[in-house]
Protein backbone atom coordinates (compact mmCIF):
# COMPACT_ATOMS: atom_id res chain seq x y z
CA UNK A 1 62.17 97.37 97.27
CA UNK A 2 65.84 98.17 96.69
CA UNK A 3 67.24 101.30 98.33
CA UNK A 4 70.59 103.03 98.11
CA UNK A 5 73.27 103.34 100.76
CA UNK A 6 72.42 106.85 101.96
CA UNK A 7 75.91 107.24 103.43
CA UNK A 8 77.16 108.06 99.94
CA UNK A 9 75.16 111.27 100.13
CA UNK A 10 77.30 112.32 103.09
CA UNK A 11 80.44 112.47 100.93
CA UNK A 12 81.71 115.63 99.31
CA UNK A 13 79.71 116.38 96.19
CA UNK A 14 82.68 115.61 93.94
CA UNK A 15 85.77 113.50 94.43
CA UNK A 16 88.76 115.82 94.77
CA UNK A 17 90.71 114.67 91.73
CA UNK A 18 87.59 114.49 89.57
CA UNK A 19 86.90 118.15 90.35
CA UNK A 20 90.49 119.05 89.47
CA UNK A 21 90.14 117.26 86.13
CA UNK A 22 86.82 119.00 85.47
CA UNK A 23 88.21 122.50 86.09
CA UNK A 24 91.37 121.80 84.11
CA UNK A 25 89.37 120.53 81.15
CA UNK A 26 87.15 123.61 81.18
CA UNK A 27 90.19 125.89 81.20
CA UNK A 28 91.78 124.03 78.28
CA UNK A 29 88.59 124.29 76.25
CA UNK A 30 88.48 128.03 76.87
CA UNK A 31 92.20 128.40 76.12
CA UNK A 32 93.04 126.07 73.22
CA UNK A 33 96.74 125.65 72.52
CA UNK A 34 97.84 126.38 76.08
CA UNK A 35 100.26 123.79 77.48
CA UNK A 36 99.15 122.68 80.94
CA UNK A 37 101.91 121.78 83.39
CA UNK A 38 100.70 119.19 85.89
CA UNK A 39 101.97 119.05 89.45
CA UNK A 40 98.72 117.69 90.85
CA UNK A 41 97.87 114.02 91.26
CA UNK A 42 100.62 111.86 92.77
CA UNK A 43 100.98 109.59 89.75
CA UNK A 44 104.42 108.26 88.86
CA UNK A 45 105.78 109.13 85.42
CA UNK A 46 109.13 107.36 84.91
CA UNK A 47 109.43 103.98 83.19
CA UNK A 48 109.63 100.76 85.14
CA UNK A 49 113.22 99.65 85.64
CA UNK A 50 114.92 96.99 83.53
CA UNK A 51 114.94 94.41 86.32
CA UNK A 52 111.24 94.91 87.02
CA UNK A 53 110.41 94.56 83.32
CA UNK A 54 112.39 91.31 83.26
CA UNK A 55 110.33 90.08 86.20
CA UNK A 56 107.04 90.94 84.51
CA UNK A 57 108.13 89.28 81.28
CA UNK A 58 109.11 86.20 83.27
CA UNK A 59 105.61 86.15 84.71
CA UNK A 60 104.06 86.34 81.23
CA UNK A 61 106.28 83.58 79.89
CA UNK A 62 105.38 81.28 82.78
CA UNK A 63 101.73 81.61 81.81
CA UNK A 64 102.58 80.81 78.21
CA UNK A 65 103.86 77.35 79.08
CA UNK A 66 101.60 74.60 80.41
CA UNK A 67 104.43 73.30 82.59
CA UNK A 68 104.77 76.61 84.45
CA UNK A 69 101.23 77.94 84.08
CA UNK A 70 99.46 78.97 87.31
CA UNK A 71 95.82 79.84 87.86
CA UNK A 72 94.32 80.93 91.16
CA UNK A 73 96.93 81.30 93.86
CA UNK A 74 96.89 81.81 97.60
CA UNK A 75 94.67 84.78 98.44
CA UNK A 76 97.43 85.96 100.79
CA UNK A 77 99.84 86.14 97.86
CA UNK A 78 102.65 84.11 96.35
CA UNK A 79 104.57 82.54 99.23
CA UNK A 80 107.86 83.51 97.57
CA UNK A 81 106.85 87.17 97.61
CA UNK A 82 105.67 86.99 101.20
CA UNK A 83 108.99 85.42 102.22
CA UNK A 84 110.85 88.26 100.51
CA UNK A 85 108.70 90.77 102.36
CA UNK A 86 109.55 89.02 105.63
CA UNK A 87 113.21 89.56 104.72
CA UNK A 88 112.42 93.18 103.75
CA UNK A 89 111.21 93.83 107.30
CA UNK A 90 113.88 91.69 108.96
CA UNK A 91 116.55 94.03 107.59
CA UNK A 92 114.89 96.74 109.69
CA UNK A 93 114.91 94.61 112.81
CA UNK A 94 111.23 93.74 112.44
CA UNK A 95 110.33 90.04 112.61
CA UNK A 96 107.16 88.87 110.90
CA UNK A 97 105.71 85.56 109.75
CA UNK A 98 104.48 84.97 106.20
CA UNK A 99 101.04 84.31 107.70
CA UNK A 100 100.94 87.95 108.79
CA UNK A 101 101.49 89.38 105.28
CA UNK A 102 98.68 89.74 102.75
CA UNK A 103 99.60 90.71 99.18
CA UNK A 104 97.02 92.91 97.44
CA UNK A 105 96.44 95.00 94.34
CA UNK A 106 97.57 98.17 96.10
CA UNK A 107 97.37 100.17 99.30
CA UNK A 108 94.26 102.17 98.39
CA UNK A 109 91.88 99.21 98.27
CA UNK A 110 93.22 97.76 101.51
CA UNK A 111 93.00 101.19 103.20
CA UNK A 112 89.35 101.37 102.16
CA UNK A 113 88.47 97.79 103.10
CA UNK A 114 90.39 97.18 106.31
CA UNK A 115 87.85 98.75 108.65
CA UNK A 116 85.20 96.27 107.42
CA UNK A 117 86.56 93.65 109.82
CA UNK A 118 85.85 95.90 112.80
CA UNK A 119 82.52 96.67 114.45
CA UNK A 120 80.06 98.92 112.66
CA UNK A 121 79.83 101.08 115.80
CA UNK A 122 83.57 101.77 115.78
CA UNK A 123 84.67 105.37 116.19
CA UNK A 124 87.33 106.21 113.62
CA UNK A 125 89.98 108.93 113.93
CA UNK A 126 91.53 110.34 110.76
CA UNK A 127 94.06 113.09 110.30
CA UNK A 128 92.97 116.45 108.87
CA UNK A 129 94.18 117.12 106.21
CA UNK A 130 94.39 113.56 104.94
CA UNK A 131 94.23 111.40 101.83
CA UNK A 132 90.46 111.11 101.08
CA UNK A 133 90.16 107.30 101.06
CA UNK A 134 90.44 106.93 104.85
CA UNK A 135 87.60 109.35 105.45
CA UNK A 136 85.31 108.44 102.57
CA UNK A 137 85.47 104.67 103.07
CA UNK A 138 84.48 104.99 106.72
CA UNK A 139 81.71 107.47 105.95
CA UNK A 140 80.34 105.02 103.38
CA UNK A 141 80.38 102.22 105.93
CA UNK A 142 78.44 104.37 108.40
CA UNK A 143 81.12 104.65 111.05
CA UNK A 144 81.47 107.75 113.20
CA UNK A 145 84.52 109.81 112.25
CA UNK A 146 86.49 112.24 114.40
CA UNK A 147 89.37 114.40 113.23
CA UNK A 148 92.95 114.83 114.40
CA UNK A 149 94.12 118.23 113.18
CA UNK A 150 97.54 118.39 111.52
CA UNK A 151 98.51 121.95 112.36
CA UNK A 152 101.49 123.92 111.15
CA UNK A 153 102.57 124.41 114.78
CA UNK A 154 102.78 120.63 115.26
CA UNK A 155 104.68 120.07 112.03
CA UNK A 156 101.51 118.74 110.35
CA UNK A 157 101.63 115.55 112.43
CA UNK A 158 98.50 115.04 114.58
CA UNK A 159 98.26 114.24 118.26
CA UNK A 160 96.17 111.28 119.44
CA UNK A 161 92.45 111.95 119.95
CA UNK A 162 91.44 113.49 123.27
CA UNK A 163 88.58 111.05 123.69
CA UNK A 164 88.42 107.29 123.17
CA UNK A 165 88.31 106.00 119.60
CA UNK A 166 88.55 102.51 118.15
CA UNK A 167 90.43 102.92 114.85
CA UNK A 168 93.16 105.45 114.06
CA UNK A 169 94.38 106.07 110.51
CA UNK A 170 97.91 107.45 110.22
CA UNK A 171 99.83 108.11 107.00
CA UNK A 172 103.59 108.68 107.33
CA UNK A 173 105.12 110.16 105.28
CA UNK A 174 101.89 112.07 105.15
CA UNK A 175 99.92 112.66 102.00
CA UNK A 176 99.33 115.58 101.38
CA UNK A 177 101.70 117.48 103.70
CA UNK A 178 104.89 115.46 103.20
CA UNK A 179 105.45 115.43 106.98
CA UNK A 180 106.96 112.36 108.67
CA UNK A 181 106.13 111.20 112.20
CA UNK A 182 109.08 110.78 114.55
CA UNK A 183 109.54 107.69 116.71
CA UNK A 184 108.55 109.77 119.72
CA UNK A 185 105.30 110.81 118.06
CA UNK A 186 104.45 107.26 116.97
CA UNK A 187 105.27 105.98 120.44
CA UNK A 188 102.58 108.30 121.83
CA UNK A 189 100.06 106.82 119.39
CA UNK A 190 101.04 103.24 120.24
CA UNK A 191 100.71 103.98 123.95
CA UNK A 192 97.29 105.53 123.32
CA UNK A 193 96.15 102.52 121.27
CA UNK A 194 97.31 99.98 123.83
CA UNK A 195 95.69 101.91 126.67
CA UNK A 196 92.37 102.36 124.84
CA UNK A 197 92.34 98.98 123.05
CA UNK A 198 92.31 100.81 119.75
CA UNK A 199 93.85 99.74 116.43
CA UNK A 200 96.21 101.91 114.39
CA UNK A 201 96.01 101.55 110.61
CA UNK A 202 99.41 102.78 109.45
CA UNK A 203 99.80 103.68 105.78
CA UNK A 204 103.50 103.45 104.89
CA UNK A 205 103.12 103.76 101.10
CA UNK A 206 105.73 106.54 100.93
CA UNK A 207 108.13 105.12 103.51
CA UNK A 208 110.91 104.38 101.01
CA UNK A 209 111.23 108.13 100.41
CA UNK A 210 112.46 108.69 103.96
CA UNK A 211 116.17 109.50 103.82
CA UNK A 212 116.56 110.68 107.42
CA UNK A 213 117.71 107.54 109.27
CA UNK A 214 116.32 108.81 112.56
CA UNK A 215 112.76 108.66 111.20
CA UNK A 216 110.77 105.40 111.30
CA UNK A 217 109.70 103.70 108.07
CA UNK A 218 107.41 101.24 109.82
CA UNK A 219 105.07 101.44 112.80
CA UNK A 220 106.64 98.17 113.99
CA UNK A 221 109.86 100.01 114.81
CA UNK A 222 107.92 101.12 117.90
CA UNK A 223 107.83 98.69 120.82
CA UNK A 224 104.38 97.20 121.37
CA UNK A 225 103.05 98.16 117.93
CA UNK A 226 102.41 94.56 116.88
CA UNK A 227 99.79 94.41 119.59
CA UNK A 228 97.82 97.37 118.26
CA UNK A 229 98.74 98.17 114.64
CA UNK A 230 98.08 97.10 111.07
CA UNK A 231 100.48 98.33 108.40
CA UNK A 232 99.61 98.92 104.75
CA UNK A 233 102.25 99.41 102.08
CA UNK A 234 102.61 99.49 98.31
CA UNK A 235 105.01 99.18 95.39
CA UNK A 236 103.23 102.03 93.59
CA UNK A 237 105.18 105.12 94.55
CA UNK A 238 108.72 103.78 94.92
CA UNK A 239 108.75 101.17 92.15
CA UNK A 240 106.39 102.85 89.67
CA UNK A 241 103.55 100.35 90.14
CA UNK A 242 100.70 102.90 90.05
CA UNK A 243 99.43 101.30 86.85
CA UNK A 244 100.70 97.81 87.66
CA UNK A 245 98.97 97.50 91.07
CA UNK A 246 100.67 95.62 93.88
CA UNK A 247 100.80 96.19 97.61
CA UNK A 248 100.57 94.38 100.92
CA UNK A 249 99.07 94.61 104.39
CA UNK A 250 100.56 93.32 107.63
CA UNK A 251 98.13 92.03 110.26
CA UNK A 252 100.16 90.68 113.22
CA UNK A 253 99.01 87.48 114.89
CA UNK A 254 99.42 89.13 118.29
CA UNK A 255 97.07 92.00 117.41
CA UNK A 256 94.15 91.64 119.81
CA UNK A 257 91.00 93.74 120.09
CA UNK A 258 88.35 93.71 122.75
CA UNK A 259 86.50 90.42 122.99
CA UNK A 260 88.84 88.43 120.74
CA UNK A 261 91.66 85.97 121.18
CA UNK A 262 95.16 86.07 119.71
CA UNK A 263 95.09 85.63 115.92
CA UNK A 264 91.41 86.50 115.48
CA UNK A 265 91.96 89.82 113.70
CA UNK A 266 94.47 88.16 111.37
CA UNK A 267 92.01 85.37 110.57
CA UNK A 268 89.20 87.86 109.92
CA UNK A 269 91.25 89.75 107.35
CA UNK A 270 92.21 86.42 105.79
CA UNK A 271 88.51 85.49 105.65
CA UNK A 272 87.62 88.84 104.11
CA UNK A 273 90.29 88.53 101.42
CA UNK A 274 89.45 84.90 100.65
CA UNK A 275 85.80 85.89 100.21
CA UNK A 276 86.16 89.11 98.22
CA UNK A 277 89.58 88.92 96.55
CA UNK A 278 91.17 86.26 94.37
CA UNK A 279 94.71 87.45 94.83
CA UNK A 280 97.04 89.81 93.00
CA UNK A 281 98.03 89.05 89.41
CA UNK A 282 100.56 86.25 89.05
CA UNK A 283 102.43 88.35 86.50
CA UNK A 284 102.55 91.41 88.74
CA UNK A 285 103.81 89.40 91.70
CA UNK A 286 106.80 88.32 89.61
CA UNK A 287 107.42 92.04 89.13
CA UNK A 288 107.20 92.52 92.89
CA UNK A 289 109.82 89.82 93.44
CA UNK A 290 112.06 91.67 90.98
CA UNK A 291 111.61 94.92 92.90
CA UNK A 292 112.74 93.24 96.13
CA UNK A 293 115.87 91.76 94.57
CA UNK A 294 119.17 93.52 95.27
CA UNK A 295 119.34 94.81 91.71
CA UNK A 296 115.70 95.85 91.72
CA UNK A 297 116.07 97.78 94.99
CA UNK A 298 119.10 99.62 93.62
CA UNK A 299 117.24 100.62 90.46
CA UNK A 300 114.13 101.71 92.36
CA UNK A 301 116.25 103.81 94.70
CA UNK A 302 117.38 105.72 91.62
CA UNK A 303 113.72 106.40 90.82
CA UNK A 304 113.20 107.70 94.35
CA UNK A 305 116.23 109.97 94.03
CA UNK A 306 114.92 111.25 90.71
CA UNK A 307 111.58 112.29 92.18
CA UNK A 308 113.17 113.74 95.31
CA UNK A 309 115.45 115.86 93.14
CA UNK A 310 112.26 117.16 91.52
CA UNK A 311 110.98 117.99 94.99
CA UNK A 312 114.12 120.01 95.70
CA UNK A 313 113.63 121.95 92.46
CA UNK A 314 110.04 122.82 93.39
CA UNK A 315 110.81 123.71 97.00
CA UNK A 316 113.80 125.89 96.11
CA UNK A 317 111.94 127.61 93.28
CA UNK A 318 108.90 128.47 95.39
CA UNK A 319 111.08 129.53 98.30
CA UNK A 320 112.70 132.13 96.07
CA UNK A 321 109.27 133.70 95.61
CA UNK A 322 108.92 134.08 99.36
CA UNK A 323 106.22 131.43 99.65
CA UNK A 324 106.07 129.41 102.87
CA UNK A 325 106.87 125.84 101.85
CA UNK A 326 106.88 122.52 103.75
CA UNK A 327 107.64 118.89 102.91
CA UNK A 328 109.76 117.78 99.98
CA UNK A 329 112.56 116.35 102.15
CA UNK A 330 111.40 112.83 103.07
CA UNK A 331 108.37 112.64 100.80
CA UNK A 332 107.60 113.59 97.17
CA UNK A 333 105.06 116.27 98.10
CA UNK A 334 105.40 120.01 98.60
CA UNK A 335 102.88 121.61 100.96
CA UNK A 336 102.71 125.38 100.65
CA UNK A 337 100.77 128.07 102.42
CA UNK A 338 98.70 130.11 100.02
CA UNK A 339 99.72 133.79 99.89
CA UNK A 340 97.59 136.52 101.46
CA UNK A 341 95.16 133.95 102.92
CA UNK A 342 93.79 133.12 99.47
CA UNK A 343 91.50 130.08 99.65
CA UNK A 344 92.83 126.77 98.38
CA UNK A 345 90.47 126.58 95.39
CA UNK A 346 90.99 130.25 94.51
CA UNK A 347 94.72 129.59 94.48
CA UNK A 348 94.11 126.57 92.25
CA UNK A 349 92.33 128.81 89.73
CA UNK A 350 94.97 131.51 90.06
CA UNK A 351 97.86 129.10 89.49
CA UNK A 352 96.10 127.56 86.50
CA UNK A 353 95.07 130.83 84.89
CA UNK A 354 98.32 132.73 85.43
CA UNK A 355 101.03 130.04 85.29
CA UNK A 356 99.15 127.21 83.53
CA UNK A 357 100.12 124.90 86.39
CA UNK A 358 97.77 122.36 87.99
CA UNK A 359 98.16 121.52 91.68
CA UNK A 360 95.89 120.21 94.42
CA UNK A 361 93.87 122.43 96.78
CA UNK A 362 94.60 121.66 100.41
CA UNK A 363 90.94 121.97 101.37
CA UNK A 364 90.25 118.89 99.26
CA UNK A 365 92.07 116.90 101.95
CA UNK A 366 90.03 118.31 104.83
CA UNK A 367 89.05 121.50 106.62
CA UNK A 368 92.50 121.93 108.15
CA UNK A 369 93.92 121.94 104.62
CA UNK A 370 92.20 125.21 103.80
CA UNK A 371 94.74 127.88 103.02
CA UNK A 372 97.31 125.34 101.85
CA UNK A 373 98.16 123.74 98.53
CA UNK A 374 99.90 120.52 97.46
CA UNK A 375 102.33 120.15 94.58
CA UNK A 376 103.63 116.76 93.49
CA UNK A 377 107.24 115.94 92.59
CA UNK A 378 106.09 113.11 90.34
CA UNK A 379 106.84 114.15 86.78
CA UNK A 380 109.59 114.47 84.21
CA UNK A 381 112.38 116.74 85.41
CA UNK A 382 112.06 118.99 82.35
CA UNK A 383 108.34 119.48 83.03
CA UNK A 384 109.02 120.19 86.70
CA UNK A 385 111.59 122.84 85.78
CA UNK A 386 109.23 124.34 83.21
CA UNK A 387 106.39 124.50 85.74
CA UNK A 388 108.55 126.15 88.41
CA UNK A 389 109.85 128.68 85.90
CA UNK A 390 106.32 129.48 84.78
CA UNK A 391 105.25 130.03 88.39
CA UNK A 392 108.25 132.29 89.03
CA UNK A 393 107.62 134.33 85.89
CA UNK A 394 103.85 134.51 85.77
CA UNK A 395 102.28 134.06 89.19
CA UNK A 396 101.14 137.41 90.53
CA UNK A 397 101.82 137.50 94.25
């Protein structure tokens, strides 16, 4: 007799963004004609750049000609793209081999799937608050989860677990708080992982938004990290690939876990991908190559600057209201403390009903997110300005 995976019943009753959509829809039905201003989900809004479009078109045209047509490719990704990613890291003083890079359809799926190559009895540490996929995927797989609180006093960057864990998920710049871990803080995590034979899963999807040169964009900027860390990254947020889907994961050959030899973890992830993934789209990978070109990087940096200017508008506008605001300097998210200790979901309703603005309740990212609220800088500048003005004029504080 077939049975269900009962671990799904341990998840929150509704996925965070589904609940936001549900409440927003109900409000719109009750208030027809009202224009909703969305500062919620971190979905990019600006068009792909000219160079990227050229790359995608090139990919389409190659499939239209028998001489250049390609079917299944290497599950690890187009070797040309992996070589460009090696160069991408080399410019930061990080030396990788193409065998250590796995191209995927985005960071989210890899973040959810990576722990499958580790023991089912693994203890997993996740930040709180944190992007839901790290928590939910490990709950579904039946692993024990412990939390690393991201407190305001610590700048919303967690400290390593007090006890021994096996897997540690870190996102920097952090989603939802917009905080970025310093080299000193990451060094503490690397030292912990090496001492406890743990593995760090480092999500660097927002790393290109870091403008402060003293802050690390990769875990591999920390000495010893190749021996204990996997890095996941994506083209989604800095090249506008949220609807195109392309990312990559780095699994160093020298990463060793208890009871394995050098290269085993790398080979396991390769085996997992070869079994359950047929590789990223050939067309999309041409777009990725375009992103990594000198012209593509320049154009995508303009996109980053556009969104970060939006972040400045939001942060400055909310600051004028006397709200306590964080983030928005090296990441496209604003993390604010709700006024008068209003709960996160009550503030969601208040912001929607009074200012017609949709944001994201901090409690949806974990218990430590209660009393906080996330606003996204992804959006058209005019809409961002309109939303901030509406909050300034209509929100009753």
